[in-house]
Amino acid sequence: MHVCLLLAGTFPPDERTRNHATALREAGHTTTVVCRGGPREAESETVDRIDVRRIPNETLYADVRGKIGGAQYALRSIRPAWLRSVEEIDEERAIDACCAMDLRLVKTALRAGEAHDAPVVADLPGNPPALERQRNRTERWGDRLRNPRKLARRLFLSPWRLGRLESGPLGDVDRLVTTCEEARARYVREVGIDPRRVAVVRDTAADPNAPIEIDDHGLGFDPGAAFVVIAFAGGDHGVPADPADLETLVAAAARAADEAVDLHLVLVGDLNSGTADDLETQARRAVAGGRLTFRTATDPDRVPAYVAASDVCVFPARSSAVTETAIPPTAFRAMAMGVPVVTTDVGPASRIVGRTDAGR
């Protein structure tokens, strides 16, 4: 069977997509991933026997066709560039199934499935509209104005619009896959998806026992000379953390430093500049000896090294529509590697950490 995965982000950094593609390959299926591409990434290549077709960011809206495609996406939530790539792939080898790895691509996947007579699957987190709403609260307009992609996301991917995609096109997919039982319950009860068409496929850690080189290159600290507490505070590494939770974490680290003189706190995640500045000011006042490190633009491929270098992984979160239906993907990697996990008593993350006795 030939399965085409449609991804709004980049590949291979998206670990869930990579795990799905690897599982399909190991089961004997052919897998092609259509995704965004950076300036130094090949438009077509094979990664671990997975065919990858990239749509370059710099040319996505560059010409007249690109601008028309951008207008179609803004008005109708359909990605013409992804559809053209699927058409080219199908000409080489017929597609047997199409999977949208992002709610933003569900209408595109449905259009591709209709064109090529292929069933459509959507693989989604527990509550995409709430996730976008929380992301909006943690971003400042100054950061958006300096980053065209963030500005476009805020203008054209509102939580209201994502909610419309859930209540409309999502109901037309053949199967919906999500990450935990709480997320499945939401799709069935609140969105109205037929329970027979919703399945749970949990995140996993790819090769958790593979050797990982740990040194201080790029980490910003020496893991061998400190008791390292790493907090994953947003972006691809966890659900976006509330600034107040991070302030509490920094204050707790300052108190703990009185007992553990070698304690070092590392915050990893997509923090906006204002939050990072406020936390750094707080840390300078409360934590002696430069014991706080920020890694706000972390290469996803470096995340395993951060987990392996840590003595404890913390996932700060408070009860919300996001945390009640989501588990930070990096928590699975930490549990698989035997690193203790600390999470708040909220939602499925607390349930799974407690059930597996992987922390508290």
Protein backbone atom coordinates (compact mmCIF):
# COMPACT_ATOMS: atom_id res chain seq x y z
CA MET A 1 0.00 0.00 0.00
CA HIS A 2 1.19 3.53 -0.80
CA VAL A 3 0.37 6.08 1.93
CA CYS A 4 0.83 9.83 1.47
CA LEU A 5 1.28 11.91 4.65
CA LEU A 6 0.52 15.64 4.37
CA LEU A 7 2.45 17.72 6.89
CA ALA A 8 2.22 21.49 7.42
CA GLY A 9 5.65 21.63 9.08
CA THR A 10 9.03 20.14 8.23
CA PHE A 11 10.30 16.57 8.08
CA PRO A 12 12.04 14.71 9.70
CA PRO A 13 11.94 16.97 12.82
CA ASP A 14 8.21 16.21 13.36
CA GLU A 15 8.64 13.10 15.49
CA ARG A 16 5.04 11.83 15.38
CA THR A 17 5.03 11.93 11.58
CA ARG A 18 8.44 10.28 11.51
CA ASN A 19 7.22 7.50 13.81
CA HIS A 20 4.11 6.92 11.68
CA ALA A 21 6.16 6.81 8.49
CA THR A 22 8.65 4.42 10.07
CA ALA A 23 5.88 2.12 11.36
CA LEU A 24 4.29 2.03 7.90
CA ARG A 25 7.64 1.25 6.32
CA GLU A 26 8.34 -1.55 8.80
CA ALA A 27 4.89 -3.00 8.01
CA GLY A 28 5.87 -3.23 4.36
CA HIS A 29 4.08 -0.15 3.03
CA THR A 30 5.47 2.62 0.85
CA THR A 31 5.29 6.06 2.48
CA THR A 32 5.63 9.52 0.97
CA VAL A 33 5.67 12.69 3.08
CA VAL A 34 4.71 16.07 1.60
CA CYS A 35 5.91 18.96 3.77
CA ARG A 36 7.49 22.39 3.90
CA GLY A 37 11.15 22.78 3.01
CA GLY A 38 13.85 25.13 4.25
CA PRO A 39 16.40 27.00 2.11
CA ARG A 40 19.08 24.31 2.45
CA GLU A 41 16.82 21.26 2.20
CA ALA A 42 16.46 19.12 -0.91
CA GLU A 43 13.07 19.30 -2.59
CA SER A 44 13.06 15.53 -3.04
CA GLU A 45 15.05 12.96 -1.11
CA THR A 46 14.82 9.63 0.68
CA VAL A 47 15.16 9.67 4.48
CA ASP A 48 15.43 6.22 6.10
CA ARG A 49 13.65 4.68 3.09
CA ILE A 50 10.84 7.26 3.35
CA ASP A 51 10.18 9.38 0.26
CA VAL A 52 10.11 13.09 1.18
CA ARG A 53 8.79 15.84 -1.12
CA ARG A 54 9.38 19.36 0.15
CA ILE A 55 7.67 22.57 -0.90
CA PRO A 56 10.28 25.35 -0.48
CA ASN A 57 9.21 28.17 1.82
CA GLU A 58 10.90 30.82 -0.31
CA THR A 59 8.92 29.90 -3.45
CA LEU A 60 5.59 29.04 -1.84
CA TYR A 61 4.10 32.51 -2.47
CA ALA A 62 6.79 33.89 -4.77
CA ASP A 63 5.07 34.01 -8.18
CA VAL A 64 1.53 34.61 -9.44
CA ARG A 65 0.59 30.95 -8.92
CA GLY A 66 1.94 31.11 -5.39
CA LYS A 67 -0.05 34.24 -4.57
CA ILE A 68 -3.23 32.66 -5.96
CA GLY A 69 -2.50 29.59 -3.85
CA GLY A 70 -2.03 31.79 -0.78
CA ALA A 71 -5.40 33.42 -1.44
CA GLN A 72 -7.05 30.00 -1.78
CA TYR A 73 -5.55 28.93 1.53
CA ALA A 74 -6.66 32.15 3.24
CA LEU A 75 -10.21 31.94 1.88
CA ARG A 76 -10.87 28.19 1.57
CA SER A 77 -8.22 26.41 3.69
CA ILE A 78 -6.96 24.46 0.67
CA ARG A 79 -3.25 24.18 -0.17
CA PRO A 80 -2.80 24.05 -3.98
CA ALA A 81 0.95 23.43 -3.67
CA TRP A 82 0.32 20.29 -1.62
CA LEU A 83 -2.31 19.13 -4.12
CA ARG A 84 0.12 19.58 -7.02
CA SER A 85 2.74 17.57 -5.16
CA VAL A 86 0.22 14.78 -4.47
CA GLU A 87 -0.72 14.76 -8.17
CA GLU A 88 2.93 14.30 -9.16
CA ILE A 89 3.40 11.53 -6.60
CA ASP A 90 0.28 9.70 -7.78
CA GLU A 91 1.53 9.81 -11.38
CA GLU A 92 4.66 7.96 -10.27
CA ARG A 93 2.79 5.44 -8.13
CA ALA A 94 -0.92 5.37 -7.31
CA ILE A 95 -1.78 6.56 -3.80
CA ASP A 96 -3.85 4.13 -1.73
CA ALA A 97 -4.47 6.38 1.31
CA CYS A 98 -3.95 10.03 2.26
CA CYS A 99 -3.36 11.24 5.82
CA ALA A 100 -3.50 14.86 7.06
CA MET A 101 -1.14 15.37 9.99
CA ASP A 102 -2.57 18.83 10.72
CA LEU A 103 -6.12 20.18 10.95
CA ARG A 104 -5.11 22.93 8.50
CA LEU A 105 -4.59 20.28 5.82
CA VAL A 106 -7.80 18.29 6.28
CA LYS A 107 -9.63 19.99 3.39
CA THR A 108 -6.55 19.55 1.20
CA ALA A 109 -6.39 15.84 2.08
CA LEU A 110 -10.11 15.42 1.35
CA ARG A 111 -9.66 17.07 -2.04
CA ALA A 112 -6.68 14.79 -2.79
CA GLY A 113 -8.57 11.71 -1.64
CA GLU A 114 -11.51 12.56 -3.87
CA ALA A 115 -9.26 13.17 -6.88
CA HIS A 116 -7.39 9.89 -6.47
CA ASP A 117 -10.18 7.71 -5.03
CA ALA A 118 -8.26 7.16 -1.80
CA PRO A 119 -9.54 7.01 1.80
CA VAL A 120 -8.55 9.94 4.02
CA VAL A 121 -7.22 9.78 7.58
CA ALA A 122 -6.64 12.74 9.92
CA ASP A 123 -4.06 12.46 12.70
CA LEU A 124 -4.65 15.32 15.14
CA PRO A 125 -3.87 16.49 18.68
CA GLY A 126 -6.67 16.67 21.22
CA ASN A 127 -7.89 20.24 20.75
CA PRO A 128 -6.30 22.24 17.88
CA PRO A 129 -8.50 25.38 18.33
CA ALA A 130 -7.64 25.62 22.03
CA LEU A 131 -3.96 25.01 21.27
CA GLU A 132 -3.99 27.91 18.80
CA ARG A 133 -5.86 30.11 21.30
CA GLN A 134 -3.25 29.41 23.98
CA ARG A 135 -0.42 30.08 21.52
CA ASN A 136 -2.00 33.43 20.69
CA ARG A 137 -2.05 34.39 24.35
CA THR A 138 1.66 33.68 24.76
CA GLU A 139 2.77 35.60 21.65
CA ARG A 140 3.16 39.36 21.54
CA TRP A 141 2.18 41.48 18.56
CA GLY A 142 5.72 42.87 18.38
CA ASP A 143 7.06 39.35 17.80
CA ARG A 144 4.40 38.73 15.14
CA LEU A 145 5.22 41.94 13.27
CA ARG A 146 8.87 40.89 13.13
CA ASN A 147 7.97 37.40 11.89
CA PRO A 148 5.74 37.26 8.75
CA ARG A 149 4.84 33.60 9.31
CA LYS A 150 3.63 34.28 12.86
CA LEU A 151 1.65 37.27 11.64
CA ALA A 152 0.01 35.27 8.83
CA ARG A 153 -0.80 32.48 11.26
CA ARG A 154 -2.51 34.91 13.62
CA LEU A 155 -4.53 36.54 10.83
CA PHE A 156 -5.59 33.46 8.86
CA LEU A 157 -5.52 30.60 11.38
CA SER A 158 -7.75 31.88 14.13
CA PRO A 159 -9.16 29.44 16.71
CA TRP A 160 -12.62 30.22 15.29
CA ARG A 161 -11.51 29.11 11.85
CA LEU A 162 -9.95 25.92 13.17
CA GLY A 163 -13.19 25.26 15.03
CA ARG A 164 -15.07 25.55 11.73
CA LEU A 165 -12.71 22.98 10.19
CA GLU A 166 -13.44 20.63 13.10
CA SER A 167 -17.21 20.99 12.94
CA GLY A 168 -17.32 20.76 9.14
CA PRO A 169 -14.72 19.01 6.94
CA LEU A 170 -13.27 16.87 9.73
CA GLY A 171 -16.51 14.91 9.85
CA ASP A 172 -15.91 13.77 6.26
CA VAL A 173 -12.65 11.90 6.89
CA ASP A 174 -12.77 8.10 6.86
CA ARG A 175 -10.75 7.74 10.07
CA LEU A 176 -9.57 10.09 12.81
CA VAL A 177 -6.51 9.25 14.90
CA THR A 178 -5.59 11.14 18.08
CA THR A 179 -3.14 10.86 20.94
CA CYS A 180 -5.03 9.82 24.10
CA GLU A 181 -8.38 8.67 25.45
CA GLU A 182 -9.32 12.14 26.70
CA ALA A 183 -8.78 13.57 23.22
CA ARG A 184 -10.89 10.81 21.67
CA ALA A 185 -13.71 11.56 24.11
CA ARG A 186 -13.65 15.23 23.12
CA TYR A 187 -13.87 14.48 19.40
CA VAL A 188 -16.80 12.14 20.01
CA ARG A 189 -18.76 14.23 22.53
CA GLU A 190 -18.00 17.82 21.56
CA VAL A 191 -17.18 17.65 17.86
CA GLY A 192 -19.65 14.88 17.03
CA ILE A 193 -17.34 12.45 15.22
CA ASP A 194 -18.68 8.89 14.95
CA PRO A 195 -16.91 6.94 17.75
CA ARG A 196 -16.42 3.98 15.41
CA ARG A 197 -14.15 6.17 13.28
CA VAL A 198 -11.92 7.54 16.07
CA ALA A 199 -8.85 5.64 17.29
CA VAL A 200 -6.08 6.38 19.78
CA VAL A 201 -2.44 6.01 18.73
CA ARG A 202 -0.14 7.26 21.48
CA ASP A 203 3.12 9.04 20.88
CA THR A 204 6.21 6.91 21.26
CA ALA A 205 9.94 7.54 21.49
CA ALA A 206 11.89 6.45 18.44
CA ASP A 207 14.92 4.36 19.42
CA PRO A 208 14.97 5.44 23.09
CA ASN A 209 17.91 3.14 23.80
CA ALA A 210 20.03 4.33 20.90
CA PRO A 211 23.35 5.83 22.07
CA ILE A 212 23.19 9.62 22.37
CA GLU A 213 26.32 11.72 22.47
CA ILE A 214 26.09 14.08 25.44
CA ASP A 215 28.54 16.92 25.82
CA ASP A 216 28.33 20.62 26.52
CA HIS A 217 28.52 21.57 22.85
CA GLY A 218 25.38 23.56 22.15
CA LEU A 219 23.75 22.68 25.47
CA GLY A 220 24.97 25.76 27.32
CA PHE A 221 25.99 23.83 30.44
CA ASP A 222 28.11 20.87 31.53
CA PRO A 223 25.70 18.00 32.34
CA GLY A 224 28.41 16.16 34.24
CA ALA A 225 29.00 19.00 36.68
CA ALA A 226 25.44 19.81 37.71
CA PHE A 227 22.11 18.37 38.80
CA VAL A 228 20.15 19.30 35.70
CA VAL A 229 16.42 20.07 35.74
CA ILE A 230 15.06 20.64 32.24
CA ALA A 231 11.63 22.18 31.73
CA PHE A 232 10.02 21.78 28.32
CA ALA A 233 7.90 24.87 28.03
CA GLY A 234 6.27 24.98 24.64
CA GLY A 235 6.67 24.64 20.91
CA ASP A 236 7.11 21.09 19.66
CA HIS A 237 8.44 19.96 23.03
CA GLY A 238 5.30 20.43 25.11
CA VAL A 239 2.08 22.37 25.33
CA PRO A 240 2.68 26.14 25.60
CA ALA A 241 3.40 27.00 29.21
CA ASP A 242 1.78 29.91 30.99
CA PRO A 243 4.38 32.56 31.98
CA ALA A 244 3.10 32.41 35.57
CA ASP A 245 3.92 28.68 35.71
CA LEU A 246 7.45 29.36 34.49
CA GLU A 247 7.87 32.10 37.10
CA THR A 248 6.82 29.60 39.77
CA LEU A 249 9.33 27.09 38.38
CA VAL A 250 12.19 29.60 38.49
CA ALA A 251 11.26 30.56 42.06
CA ALA A 252 11.16 26.87 43.07
CA ALA A 253 14.57 26.31 41.50
CA ALA A 254 15.94 29.25 43.48
CA ARG A 255 14.67 27.71 46.73
CA ALA A 256 16.00 24.27 45.81
CA ALA A 257 19.39 25.77 45.00
CA ASP A 258 19.85 26.43 48.71
CA GLU A 259 19.93 22.64 49.24
CA ALA A 260 21.40 21.51 45.90
CA VAL A 261 24.31 23.81 45.21
CA ASP A 262 24.97 22.24 41.80
CA LEU A 263 21.37 22.58 40.54
CA HIS A 264 20.99 23.97 37.01
CA LEU A 265 17.63 24.82 35.44
CA VAL A 266 17.22 24.75 31.66
CA LEU A 267 14.10 26.09 29.92
CA VAL A 268 13.58 24.59 26.47
CA GLY A 269 10.80 25.79 24.21
CA ASP A 270 9.42 28.44 21.91
CA LEU A 271 9.20 31.26 24.45
CA ASN A 272 8.49 34.75 23.17
CA SER A 273 11.15 37.38 23.80
CA GLY A 274 9.12 39.25 26.43
CA THR A 275 8.57 36.15 28.56
CA ALA A 276 12.22 35.14 28.25
CA ASP A 277 13.38 38.63 29.31
CA ASP A 278 11.06 38.64 32.34
CA LEU A 279 12.22 35.18 33.45
CA GLU A 280 15.86 36.09 32.99
CA THR A 281 15.39 39.19 35.15
CA GLN A 282 13.69 37.09 37.82
CA ALA A 283 16.44 34.48 37.66
CA ARG A 284 19.21 37.05 38.05
CA ARG A 285 17.53 38.28 41.21
CA ALA A 286 16.78 34.86 42.68
CA VAL A 287 19.25 32.30 41.33
CA ALA A 288 22.94 32.76 41.99
CA GLY A 289 25.81 31.65 39.77
CA GLY A 290 24.08 31.71 36.39
CA ARG A 291 22.08 28.56 37.06
CA LEU A 292 19.42 29.26 34.45
CA THR A 293 19.85 28.51 30.74
CA PHE A 294 17.38 29.39 27.98
CA ARG A 295 17.11 27.39 24.81
CA THR A 296 14.24 29.06 22.96
CA ALA A 297 15.20 28.09 19.40
CA THR A 298 16.13 24.46 19.86
CA ASP A 299 16.79 22.15 16.94
CA PRO A 300 14.30 19.29 17.44
CA ASP A 301 17.09 16.83 16.70
CA ARG A 302 18.82 18.10 19.86
CA VAL A 303 15.88 17.28 22.13
CA PRO A 304 17.06 13.69 22.84
CA ALA A 305 20.39 15.10 24.00
CA TYR A 306 18.63 17.48 26.41
CA VAL A 307 16.54 14.63 27.81
CA ALA A 308 19.59 12.38 28.18
CA ALA A 309 21.54 15.18 29.87
CA SER A 310 18.83 15.85 32.45
CA ASP A 311 18.36 14.40 35.91
CA VAL A 312 14.69 15.43 35.96
CA CYS A 313 12.33 16.57 33.18
CA VAL A 314 9.56 18.99 34.12
CA PHE A 315 6.44 19.72 32.07
CA PRO A 316 4.75 22.75 33.65
CA ALA A 317 1.08 23.19 32.84
CA ARG A 318 -2.18 24.27 34.40
CA SER A 319 -5.65 22.94 33.74
CA SER A 320 -6.97 24.16 30.39
CA ALA A 321 -8.74 22.95 27.28
CA VAL A 322 -5.30 22.06 25.92
CA THR A 323 -3.78 20.19 28.84
CA GLU A 324 -6.95 18.20 29.52
CA THR A 325 -6.59 16.50 26.13
CA ALA A 326 -2.83 16.49 25.47
CA ILE A 327 0.37 14.81 26.56
CA PRO A 328 3.69 16.55 25.83
CA PRO A 329 5.40 14.33 23.22
CA THR A 330 8.80 14.70 24.87
CA ALA A 331 7.39 13.18 28.08
CA PHE A 332 7.22 9.80 26.32
CA ARG A 333 10.88 10.06 25.38
CA ALA A 334 11.85 10.91 28.96
CA MET A 335 9.85 7.97 30.32
CA ALA A 336 11.34 5.62 27.73
CA MET A 337 14.86 6.74 28.68
CA GLY A 338 14.20 6.30 32.40
CA VAL A 339 14.44 10.01 33.27
CA PRO A 340 12.06 10.97 36.11
CA VAL A 341 9.17 13.16 34.96
CA VAL A 342 7.45 15.87 37.00
CA THR A 343 4.09 17.16 35.80
CA THR A 344 1.17 18.95 37.35
CA ASP A 345 -1.90 16.95 38.37
CA VAL A 346 -3.70 17.77 35.13
CA GLY A 347 -5.24 15.63 32.41
CA PRO A 348 -3.75 12.61 30.66
CA ALA A 349 -0.12 13.54 31.37
CA SER A 350 -0.65 13.13 35.11
CA ARG A 351 -2.63 9.92 34.57
CA ILE A 352 0.01 8.26 32.42
CA VAL A 353 2.99 9.37 34.52
CA GLY A 354 1.26 8.01 37.62
CA ARG A 355 0.20 4.76 35.94
CA THR A 356 3.72 4.03 34.70
CA ASP A 357 5.37 5.13 37.97
CA ALA A 358 7.65 7.34 35.87
CA GLY A 359 7.65 10.32 38.21
CA ARG A 360 5.08 12.50 39.91
